[in-house]
Protein backbone atom coordinates (compact mmCIF):
# COMPACT_ATOMS: atom_id res chain seq x y z
CA MET A 1 -0.01 -0.02 0.02
CA LYS A 2 2.73 2.23 0.94
CA THR A 3 4.58 1.59 -2.38
CA LYS A 4 1.33 2.48 -4.26
CA LYS A 5 1.22 5.85 -2.61
CA LEU A 6 4.88 6.56 -3.41
CA ILE A 7 4.33 5.63 -7.09
CA GLY A 8 1.27 7.88 -7.16
CA LEU A 9 3.17 10.79 -5.78
CA ALA A 10 5.92 10.32 -8.25
CA ILE A 11 3.45 10.36 -11.11
CA ALA A 12 1.85 13.48 -9.78
CA LEU A 13 5.32 15.18 -9.64
CA LEU A 14 6.11 14.10 -13.23
CA CYS A 15 2.77 15.50 -14.38
CA LEU A 16 3.42 18.77 -12.64
CA ALA A 17 6.83 19.20 -14.15
CA ALA A 18 5.41 18.45 -17.52
CA CYS A 19 2.74 21.19 -17.13
CA LYS A 20 5.44 23.69 -16.15
CA LYS A 21 7.33 22.91 -19.31
CA GLU A 22 4.19 23.21 -21.43
CA ASN A 23 3.06 26.33 -19.64
CA PRO A 24 6.20 28.39 -18.78
CA ILE A 25 5.65 31.35 -16.52
CA ILE A 26 5.94 34.56 -18.59
CA GLU A 27 7.54 37.31 -16.66
CA PRO A 28 6.15 40.79 -17.32
CA PRO A 29 8.52 43.00 -19.51
CA VAL A 30 10.62 45.54 -17.53
CA ILE A 31 9.49 48.91 -18.46
CA GLU A 32 12.13 51.60 -18.02
CA LYS A 33 10.83 54.66 -16.45
CA THR A 34 11.28 57.84 -18.46
CA ASP A 35 13.78 60.32 -16.98
CA PRO A 36 11.57 63.29 -16.01
CA LEU A 37 14.45 65.48 -17.10
CA GLU A 38 13.93 64.30 -20.70
CA LEU A 39 10.40 65.84 -20.67
CA LEU A 40 11.57 69.40 -19.74
CA LYS A 41 10.92 71.92 -22.45
CA ASP A 42 13.48 74.60 -23.69
CA SER A 43 12.57 77.81 -22.09
CA VAL A 44 13.80 81.20 -20.81
CA SER A 45 12.59 83.56 -18.17
CA TYR A 46 13.81 87.03 -17.27
CA ILE A 47 12.57 90.49 -16.02
CA ILE A 48 12.79 93.73 -18.16
CA ASP A 49 11.05 97.04 -17.51
CA GLY A 50 9.79 95.45 -14.38
CA LYS A 51 7.87 92.82 -16.30
CA GLN A 52 8.43 89.15 -15.91
CA MET A 53 8.95 87.41 -19.50
CA VAL A 54 8.53 83.75 -19.88
CA GLN A 55 9.23 82.42 -23.41
CA LYS A 56 9.41 79.01 -25.00
CA LYS A 57 11.65 77.75 -27.72
CA SER A 58 10.34 78.74 -31.13
CA GLN A 59 8.38 75.88 -32.90
CA THR A 60 8.51 77.67 -36.38
CA ARG A 61 12.20 78.16 -36.70
CA SER A 62 15.24 75.86 -36.21
CA ASN A 63 18.34 77.01 -34.33
CA SER A 64 20.43 79.40 -36.33
CA LEU A 65 24.11 78.59 -37.11
CA ARG A 66 26.62 81.41 -37.72
CA ASN A 67 30.01 81.45 -39.36
CA ALA A 68 31.91 84.78 -39.56
CA VAL A 69 35.51 85.82 -40.20
CA ALA A 70 37.33 86.17 -37.07
CA ASN A 71 39.67 89.07 -35.81
CA VAL A 72 38.47 91.53 -38.46
CA ASN A 73 40.53 94.73 -39.21
CA LEU A 74 39.90 97.72 -41.43
CA ASP A 75 42.55 97.91 -44.02
CA SER A 76 41.26 100.77 -46.08
CA LEU A 77 38.41 102.98 -46.85
CA VAL A 78 37.86 103.87 -50.55
CA LYS A 79 35.00 105.93 -51.71
CA GLN A 80 33.10 105.19 -48.49
CA LYS A 81 33.53 101.37 -48.96
CA GLU A 82 35.25 99.41 -46.18
CA TYR A 83 38.03 96.92 -47.17
CA THR A 84 38.65 94.44 -44.35
CA SER A 85 40.80 91.40 -43.56
CA GLY A 86 40.82 88.72 -40.84
CA ASP A 87 42.47 85.73 -39.49
CA LYS A 88 42.50 83.14 -42.28
CA ASP A 89 43.29 80.18 -39.91
CA SER A 90 40.34 80.86 -37.56
CA VAL A 91 36.50 81.10 -37.78
CA MET A 92 33.85 82.51 -35.55
CA PHE A 93 31.14 79.97 -34.95
CA GLY A 94 27.91 80.53 -33.33
CA VAL A 95 24.54 78.84 -32.62
CA GLY A 96 21.43 80.85 -31.76
CA PHE A 97 18.31 79.72 -29.86
CA LEU A 98 15.10 81.76 -30.40
CA PHE A 99 12.50 82.00 -27.66
CA GLU A 100 8.99 83.53 -28.08
CA ASP A 101 5.75 84.04 -26.14
CA GLY A 102 2.22 84.38 -27.29
CA ASN A 103 2.57 88.18 -27.87
CA ARG A 104 5.29 87.82 -30.34
CA ASN A 105 7.97 89.00 -28.00
CA GLY A 106 11.18 87.13 -28.14
CA ILE A 107 14.84 86.73 -27.39
CA GLU A 108 17.44 85.08 -29.40
CA ILE A 109 20.41 83.81 -27.30
CA SER A 110 23.60 82.89 -29.33
CA PHE A 111 26.66 81.19 -28.07
CA LEU A 112 29.79 82.35 -29.92
CA LYS A 113 33.35 81.11 -30.01
CA LYS A 114 36.45 81.46 -32.21
CA TYR A 115 37.94 78.13 -33.36
CA ASN A 116 41.14 77.44 -35.18
CA LYS A 117 40.25 75.65 -38.34
CA ASN A 118 42.01 72.45 -37.23
CA GLN A 119 39.53 72.35 -34.24
CA ALA A 120 36.58 72.53 -36.64
CA GLN A 121 35.43 70.62 -39.66
CA PRO A 122 33.60 71.64 -42.86
CA GLU A 123 29.82 70.90 -42.72
CA THR A 124 28.94 68.00 -45.06
CA ASN A 125 27.10 69.90 -47.62
CA GLN A 126 28.91 73.29 -47.38
CA THR A 127 32.49 73.01 -47.53
CA ASN A 128 33.02 76.74 -46.58
CA PHE A 129 30.90 76.36 -43.41
CA PHE A 130 32.77 75.15 -40.36
CA VAL A 131 31.33 73.62 -37.18
CA PRO A 132 33.51 72.64 -34.19
CA LYS A 133 34.52 68.99 -33.89
CA ASN A 134 33.71 69.07 -30.17
CA LYS A 135 30.31 70.72 -30.07
CA LEU A 136 29.96 70.50 -26.21
CA ASP A 137 32.97 72.70 -25.86
CA LEU A 138 30.72 75.66 -26.69
CA PHE A 139 28.49 74.81 -23.74
CA SER A 140 30.99 73.94 -20.97
CA VAL A 141 30.04 75.01 -17.37
CA GLY A 142 31.26 78.36 -16.29
CA GLU A 143 30.89 82.16 -17.00
CA ARG A 144 30.71 83.70 -20.38
CA LYS A 145 31.26 87.33 -21.40
CA PHE A 146 29.09 89.20 -23.89
CA ALA A 147 30.52 89.25 -27.44
CA MET A 148 29.99 93.05 -27.84
CA ASP A 149 31.94 93.23 -31.13
CA PHE A 150 30.19 90.38 -32.88
CA SER A 151 29.46 91.28 -36.56
CA ARG A 152 32.19 93.96 -36.22
CA ASN A 153 35.65 92.77 -35.31
CA ASN A 154 34.41 89.21 -34.26
CA SER A 155 37.30 88.97 -31.68
CA GLN A 156 35.39 88.04 -28.52
CA ASN A 157 34.07 84.73 -27.41
CA GLY A 158 30.74 84.78 -25.37
CA VAL A 159 27.06 85.25 -25.70
CA LEU A 160 24.76 87.52 -27.71
CA PHE A 161 21.28 88.70 -26.95
CA GLU A 162 18.93 89.98 -29.63
CA LEU A 163 15.46 91.10 -28.70
CA SER A 164 12.25 91.21 -30.79
CA GLY A 165 8.61 92.35 -30.37
CA ASP A 166 8.13 95.20 -27.95
CA ASN A 167 11.94 95.42 -27.36
CA TYR A 168 12.79 95.15 -31.05
CA GLY A 169 16.23 96.49 -31.95
CA LEU A 170 17.74 95.98 -28.41
CA GLN A 171 20.77 93.77 -28.27
CA THR A 172 24.19 93.30 -26.62
CA ASN A 173 26.44 94.04 -29.58
CA GLY A 174 26.79 97.15 -31.79
CA TYR A 175 27.08 98.19 -35.40
CA SER A 176 29.06 96.22 -38.04
CA SER A 177 30.76 99.25 -39.57
CA LEU A 178 34.46 99.63 -38.47
CA ALA A 179 34.80 103.12 -40.12
CA TYR A 180 31.63 104.86 -39.31
CA HIS A 181 30.73 103.77 -35.80
CA ALA A 182 32.96 103.72 -32.66
CA PRO A 183 33.07 100.25 -30.74
CA LEU A 184 30.81 99.89 -27.82
CA LYS A 185 32.26 100.74 -24.48
CA PRO A 186 32.87 97.60 -22.28
CA GLU A 187 31.41 99.53 -19.25
CA LEU A 188 27.92 98.71 -20.78
CA GLN A 189 28.19 95.24 -19.69
CA SER A 190 30.29 95.76 -16.52
CA GLN A 191 27.52 94.75 -14.24
CA SER A 192 26.27 91.89 -16.41
CA LYS A 193 26.86 88.15 -15.94
CA PHE A 194 26.07 85.10 -17.90
CA GLU A 195 26.90 81.65 -16.38
CA ILE A 196 26.27 78.10 -17.48
CA THR A 197 25.56 76.33 -14.16
CA ASN A 198 24.77 72.85 -15.31
CA LEU A 199 25.44 70.57 -18.26
CA GLN A 200 24.07 67.18 -17.40
CA LYS A 201 24.04 64.15 -19.72
CA LEU A 202 20.72 62.43 -19.96
CA LYS A 203 19.81 58.74 -20.79
CA SER A 204 19.02 59.59 -24.42
CA GLY A 205 22.54 61.04 -24.97
CA LYS A 206 21.23 64.57 -25.02
CA TYR A 207 22.38 67.18 -22.40
CA LEU A 208 20.42 69.40 -20.03
CA LEU A 209 21.95 72.87 -19.94
CA GLU A 210 20.99 75.60 -17.37
CA ALA A 211 22.16 79.07 -17.07
CA LYS A 212 21.41 82.19 -15.18
CA PHE A 213 22.09 85.78 -16.39
CA ASN A 214 21.58 89.48 -16.18
CA ALA A 215 22.56 91.95 -18.83
CA SER A 216 22.29 95.37 -20.43
CA VAL A 217 20.58 95.64 -23.90
CA TYR A 218 20.58 98.74 -26.00
CA ARG A 219 20.51 100.08 -29.50
CA ALA A 220 23.50 99.39 -31.64
CA ASP A 221 25.04 102.67 -30.69
CA GLY A 222 24.79 101.90 -26.99
CA THR A 223 21.84 104.13 -26.28
CA ASN A 224 18.30 103.36 -24.82
CA ILE A 225 19.77 101.06 -22.24
CA LYS A 226 17.53 98.55 -20.51
CA LYS A 227 18.40 96.00 -17.87
CA ILE A 228 17.63 92.28 -18.01
CA GLU A 229 17.50 90.73 -14.55
CA ASN A 230 16.86 87.33 -12.86
CA GLY A 231 17.44 85.40 -16.11
CA TYR A 232 17.18 81.68 -16.31
CA LEU A 233 17.78 79.48 -19.29
CA ARG A 234 17.05 75.90 -19.93
CA LEU A 235 18.00 74.01 -22.96
CA ILE A 236 18.12 70.37 -24.21
CA ILE A 237 21.28 70.18 -26.31
CA ASN A 238 21.73 67.41 -28.83
CA PRO A 239 25.49 67.22 -29.90
CA GLU A 240 24.53 64.48 -32.50
CA ASN A 241 22.42 66.99 -34.41
CA LEU A 242 24.08 69.66 -36.68
CA TYR A 243 21.53 72.14 -35.38
CA PHE A 244 22.02 71.10 -31.75
């Protein structure tokens, strides 16, 4: 009798094992949680004329890329025409991010830096347009000055602000003419500060950039000065994309 019970138990165990093989337990898939930082939107906020401005990245225009001759000098002036020359071994590179609100007020913030041409490479479809080999170098953590001579001498690395809408025509640089306009006085930005406080790599391979700033903006001749205060910038940078 005891033997029959043991045989019955063995048969039951074999049947159970067979059932497990025929009906394996399927584990639910592991779903990776989305990094909340990936969901943040590009935006900027600041105060001008006592008014708080909150603006989002433009949805109608891609980031603007800039190339310019670096270290420009005036060689001669013939019949009111300026003849200039610059550093043939370097290029001024920049990328601009445009932010707007529902009232068509906006600000374009550009990051500018001179690169020796051995630190840059021609863009695939435009052999005369150079982009830096290390794109993140443009956004390293730390303070930036304002490139007040951009479009003129192009000798200064830093940032550039250009406002539109109610504050159209206000900017942080001056006129492009070397012969007919004096350079802006550095004192205009003596109380200004722009600092990248965070550059954090995300799971996607993109980077979260955060910066704080205050600045003076004015007409190209340095008049009609207004102050920008309590500025905060947030950007998602994609170094794999030509347009960042």
